[in-house]
């Protein structure tokens, strides 16, 4: 318990805010661009999933997957397929 406690301190979590905001700004920019170019139909669930993947990559692994800019990442789709497979 003592080993992982520093990873959950308020100070450390607060230091991650800047990294998360960068990913969220990328998401907002992506949404704005899609609305300008494609009209008003968006798959917001997918966009939030790939934003979460970028946030996890940035905060846990120290680098972005650039999923938001690419528009996709295989992880959410594979996780969803596995989830459905286990339920059915």
Protein backbone atom coordinates (compact mmCIF):
# COMPACT_ATOMS: atom_id res chain seq x y z
CA UNK A 1 0.00 0.00 0.00
CA UNK A 2 2.82 2.38 0.83
CA UNK A 3 4.37 1.82 -2.57
CA UNK A 4 1.37 2.98 -4.61
CA UNK A 5 0.08 5.68 -2.24
CA UNK A 6 2.11 8.49 -3.88
CA UNK A 7 0.38 7.79 -7.20
CA UNK A 8 -2.96 8.75 -5.67
CA UNK A 9 -1.96 11.82 -3.70
CA UNK A 10 -3.93 15.01 -4.31
CA UNK A 11 -0.78 16.81 -5.41
CA UNK A 12 0.06 14.17 -8.02
CA UNK A 13 -3.49 13.92 -9.34
CA UNK A 14 -3.63 17.72 -9.63
CA UNK A 15 -0.40 17.66 -11.64
CA UNK A 16 -2.14 15.48 -14.24
CA UNK A 17 -4.76 18.13 -14.93
CA UNK A 18 -2.60 19.91 -17.52
CA UNK A 19 -2.11 16.66 -19.45
CA UNK A 20 -5.83 15.92 -19.38
CA UNK A 21 -6.73 19.43 -20.50
CA UNK A 22 -4.47 19.08 -23.53
CA UNK A 23 -6.37 15.98 -24.61
CA UNK A 24 -9.72 17.64 -23.93
CA UNK A 25 -8.72 20.68 -25.98
CA UNK A 26 -7.81 18.34 -28.85
CA UNK A 27 -11.25 16.76 -28.50
CA UNK A 28 -13.06 20.10 -28.57
CA UNK A 29 -11.05 21.19 -31.61
CA UNK A 30 -11.86 17.90 -33.34
CA UNK A 31 -15.57 18.31 -32.62
CA UNK A 32 -15.52 21.90 -33.90
CA UNK A 33 -13.81 20.83 -37.12
CA UNK A 34 -16.22 17.95 -37.69
CA UNK A 35 -19.21 20.22 -37.15
CA UNK A 36 -17.80 22.72 -39.65
CA UNK A 37 -17.03 20.09 -42.28
CA UNK A 38 -19.63 17.39 -41.83
CA UNK A 39 -22.68 19.06 -40.41
CA UNK A 40 -24.18 18.30 -37.02
CA UNK A 41 -24.05 14.48 -36.87
CA UNK A 42 -21.32 13.13 -34.58
CA UNK A 43 -20.62 9.87 -32.80
CA UNK A 44 -19.89 11.57 -29.50
CA UNK A 45 -19.53 8.27 -27.63
CA UNK A 46 -16.68 7.24 -29.91
CA UNK A 47 -15.03 10.65 -29.60
CA UNK A 48 -15.16 10.49 -25.80
CA UNK A 49 -13.78 6.94 -25.84
CA UNK A 50 -10.80 7.90 -27.95
CA UNK A 51 -10.25 10.97 -25.78
CA UNK A 52 -10.15 8.67 -22.75
CA UNK A 53 -7.59 6.47 -24.53
CA UNK A 54 -5.41 9.53 -25.16
CA UNK A 55 -5.76 10.66 -21.54
CA UNK A 56 -4.80 7.19 -20.29
CA UNK A 57 -1.83 7.10 -22.64
CA UNK A 58 -0.68 10.55 -21.60
CA UNK A 59 -1.09 10.08 -17.85
CA UNK A 60 -0.09 6.43 -17.53
CA UNK A 61 2.45 5.84 -20.27
CA UNK A 62 3.84 9.33 -20.80
CA UNK A 63 2.78 9.68 -24.42
CA UNK A 64 -0.25 10.23 -26.57
CA UNK A 65 -1.69 7.72 -28.95
CA UNK A 66 -3.01 10.69 -31.00
CA UNK A 67 -6.32 8.89 -31.29
CA UNK A 68 -8.32 12.10 -31.36
CA UNK A 69 -6.40 13.50 -34.31
CA UNK A 70 -6.49 10.15 -36.11
CA UNK A 71 -10.18 9.78 -35.35
CA UNK A 72 -9.87 6.26 -34.03
CA UNK A 73 -7.95 3.81 -31.89
CA UNK A 74 -8.42 0.05 -31.94
CA UNK A 75 -8.61 -0.34 -28.15
CA UNK A 76 -12.21 0.85 -27.52
CA UNK A 77 -13.58 -1.27 -30.36
CA UNK A 78 -11.74 -4.38 -29.22
CA UNK A 79 -12.77 -3.82 -25.62
CA UNK A 80 -16.41 -3.42 -26.66
CA UNK A 81 -16.30 -6.62 -28.76
CA UNK A 82 -14.79 -8.56 -25.87
CA UNK A 83 -17.36 -7.14 -23.47
CA UNK A 84 -20.21 -8.17 -25.77
CA UNK A 85 -18.67 -11.60 -26.33
CA UNK A 86 -18.51 -12.27 -22.61
CA UNK A 87 -22.08 -11.14 -22.03
CA UNK A 88 -23.60 -13.26 -24.77
